[in-house]
Amino acid sequence: MRPGTRVARPCSIALRAILLAIVLGAAIPALGQTCIFNTGQPASVNFGTINPTLVTTATFSVTVNFKCTGSANATFVIVGLNDSGPGAYRLKHNTQIPAQYMPYSVSTVIVPGTKITLNGQIVASNYQNAYVGNYSDSLTITILP
């Protein structure tokens, strides 16, 4: 045997053990971090009846409570069923063919670790010439980490 082999091998094993301990030490706090929505949250919201002769902005607001553990910081992804792109929310007419849409916006107010409020708006210019009837969309809110 070469003398260097015995020394190199134990050092290599010790180095691996130290690296593994550092990796696990950094990963353990992340494993304990979770964020979940509380039970009994609102399942739906609406803009109400919109009168196309008005020039006011139609709005909705809903607050969803959540809880984070392990010093987690919640981030949210909001996706609409009828989106035309990221953050481009649209209500879809329920029966009109070809499909008719009304764009709307969603802003958020987040109280870290406790709640997120979604505020929706349809400006008058987006509903004044819309087809008469019912419109809908489904928003999915994903909470991370």
Protein backbone atom coordinates (compact mmCIF):
# COMPACT_ATOMS: atom_id res chain seq x y z
CA MET A 1 0.00 0.00 0.00
CA ARG A 2 1.03 3.49 -0.62
CA PRO A 3 1.18 5.71 2.45
CA GLY A 4 -0.80 8.45 0.75
CA THR A 5 -3.73 6.15 0.09
CA ARG A 6 -4.57 5.59 3.75
CA VAL A 7 -4.46 9.27 4.59
CA ALA A 8 -6.35 10.37 1.49
CA ARG A 9 -9.20 7.94 1.97
CA PRO A 10 -10.07 8.88 5.60
CA CYS A 11 -9.81 12.59 4.70
CA SER A 12 -12.08 12.01 1.74
CA ILE A 13 -14.66 10.25 3.91
CA ALA A 14 -14.43 12.96 6.57
CA LEU A 15 -14.80 15.68 3.94
CA ARG A 16 -17.88 13.98 2.51
CA ALA A 17 -19.39 13.67 6.00
CA ILE A 18 -18.80 17.37 6.66
CA LEU A 19 -20.30 18.36 3.30
CA LEU A 20 -23.31 16.12 3.92
CA ALA A 21 -23.80 17.69 7.36
CA ILE A 22 -23.65 21.18 5.85
CA VAL A 23 -26.16 20.27 3.12
CA LEU A 24 -28.53 18.61 5.59
CA GLY A 25 -28.15 21.49 8.03
CA ALA A 26 -29.17 23.93 5.34
CA ALA A 27 -32.02 21.71 4.10
CA ILE A 28 -33.65 20.88 7.45
CA PRO A 29 -35.14 24.37 8.04
CA ALA A 30 -36.50 24.39 4.47
CA LEU A 31 -38.14 21.00 5.00
CA GLY A 32 -40.10 22.37 7.98
CA GLN A 33 -41.41 25.37 6.07
CA THR A 34 -44.99 25.12 4.88
CA CYS A 35 -47.85 27.42 4.01
CA ILE A 36 -51.46 26.23 3.80
CA PHE A 37 -54.86 27.83 3.33
CA ASN A 38 -57.19 27.72 6.32
CA THR A 39 -60.36 25.64 6.03
CA GLY A 40 -63.75 27.25 5.44
CA GLN A 41 -62.57 29.87 2.96
CA PRO A 42 -64.89 31.67 0.52
CA ALA A 43 -65.44 29.54 -2.59
CA SER A 44 -66.81 32.27 -4.84
CA VAL A 45 -67.06 36.00 -5.34
CA ASN A 46 -68.79 38.10 -7.95
CA PHE A 47 -68.92 41.53 -9.48
CA GLY A 48 -72.69 41.57 -8.99
CA THR A 49 -75.07 42.80 -11.68
CA ILE A 50 -73.35 45.20 -14.04
CA ASN A 51 -75.41 47.95 -15.65
CA PRO A 52 -73.83 48.86 -19.01
CA THR A 53 -75.35 52.37 -18.92
CA LEU A 54 -73.17 53.28 -15.93
CA VAL A 55 -69.62 54.58 -16.09
CA THR A 56 -68.45 53.20 -12.76
CA THR A 57 -65.89 50.49 -12.16
CA ALA A 58 -67.36 47.15 -11.05
CA THR A 59 -65.40 45.56 -8.20
CA PHE A 60 -65.08 42.52 -5.98
CA SER A 61 -62.92 41.83 -2.95
CA VAL A 62 -62.23 38.59 -1.12
CA THR A 63 -59.82 37.75 1.68
CA VAL A 64 -58.30 34.29 2.02
CA ASN A 65 -56.54 33.34 5.24
CA PHE A 66 -53.47 31.12 5.37
CA LYS A 67 -50.83 30.00 7.83
CA CYS A 68 -47.09 29.54 7.36
CA THR A 69 -44.79 27.54 9.61
CA GLY A 70 -41.04 27.31 10.00
CA SER A 71 -40.44 30.99 9.10
CA ALA A 72 -41.75 30.36 5.59
CA ASN A 73 -42.50 33.27 3.31
CA ALA A 74 -45.59 32.67 1.21
CA THR A 75 -45.64 33.44 -2.47
CA PHE A 76 -48.74 33.16 -4.60
CA VAL A 77 -49.54 32.22 -8.16
CA ILE A 78 -52.97 33.31 -9.44
CA VAL A 79 -54.25 31.84 -12.69
CA GLY A 80 -57.63 32.38 -14.33
CA LEU A 81 -59.39 29.74 -16.40
CA ASN A 82 -59.94 32.21 -19.27
CA ASP A 83 -56.63 34.10 -19.12
CA SER A 84 -55.23 35.40 -22.38
CA GLY A 85 -51.74 35.48 -20.84
CA PRO A 86 -50.06 35.89 -17.44
CA GLY A 87 -52.13 38.33 -15.39
CA ALA A 88 -54.56 38.98 -18.28
CA TYR A 89 -57.81 37.88 -16.61
CA ARG A 90 -61.04 37.56 -18.59
CA LEU A 91 -64.63 36.73 -17.79
CA LYS A 92 -66.18 34.47 -20.43
CA HIS A 93 -69.80 34.74 -21.57
CA ASN A 94 -71.52 31.54 -20.41
CA THR A 95 -73.44 30.79 -23.63
CA GLN A 96 -72.34 33.10 -26.46
CA ILE A 97 -70.77 31.39 -29.51
CA PRO A 98 -68.28 32.46 -30.65
CA ALA A 99 -66.99 33.11 -27.14
CA GLN A 100 -67.16 36.66 -25.83
CA TYR A 101 -64.90 37.97 -23.08
CA MET A 102 -64.67 40.90 -20.67
CA PRO A 103 -61.20 41.72 -19.33
CA TYR A 104 -60.72 42.48 -15.67
CA SER A 105 -57.81 43.06 -13.33
CA VAL A 106 -56.83 41.54 -10.00
CA SER A 107 -54.57 43.19 -7.45
CA THR A 108 -53.45 41.67 -4.17
CA VAL A 109 -52.78 42.87 -0.66
CA ILE A 110 -50.77 40.38 1.38
CA VAL A 111 -50.40 40.43 5.14
CA PRO A 112 -47.34 38.19 5.58
CA GLY A 113 -48.09 34.84 7.17
CA THR A 114 -51.84 35.46 7.62
CA LYS A 115 -53.95 36.57 4.65
CA ILE A 116 -54.17 37.62 1.03
CA THR A 117 -56.88 39.92 -0.28
CA LEU A 118 -57.79 39.81 -3.97
CA ASN A 119 -59.37 42.96 -5.41
CA GLY A 120 -60.96 42.64 -8.84
CA GLN A 121 -62.00 45.46 -11.17
CA ILE A 122 -63.80 45.79 -14.48
CA VAL A 123 -63.57 49.31 -15.87
CA ALA A 124 -66.68 50.66 -17.58
CA SER A 125 -65.13 50.70 -21.05
CA ASN A 126 -64.74 46.90 -20.79
CA TYR A 127 -68.41 46.19 -20.07
CA GLN A 128 -70.37 48.97 -21.78
CA ASN A 129 -70.48 47.21 -25.18
CA ALA A 130 -70.42 43.64 -23.87
CA TYR A 131 -72.98 41.02 -24.90
CA VAL A 132 -75.90 40.77 -22.47
CA GLY A 133 -75.82 37.69 -20.24
CA ASN A 134 -73.85 35.92 -17.57
CA TYR A 135 -70.06 35.85 -17.53
CA SER A 136 -67.77 33.80 -15.33
CA ASP A 137 -64.16 32.84 -14.65
CA SER A 138 -62.40 30.60 -12.16
CA LEU A 139 -59.31 31.79 -10.34
CA THR A 140 -56.90 29.27 -8.87
CA ILE A 141 -54.61 30.53 -6.12
CA THR A 142 -51.54 28.44 -5.41
CA ILE A 143 -49.56 29.11 -2.25
CA LEU A 144 -45.86 28.29 -2.08
CA PRO A 145 -43.35 27.26 -0.50
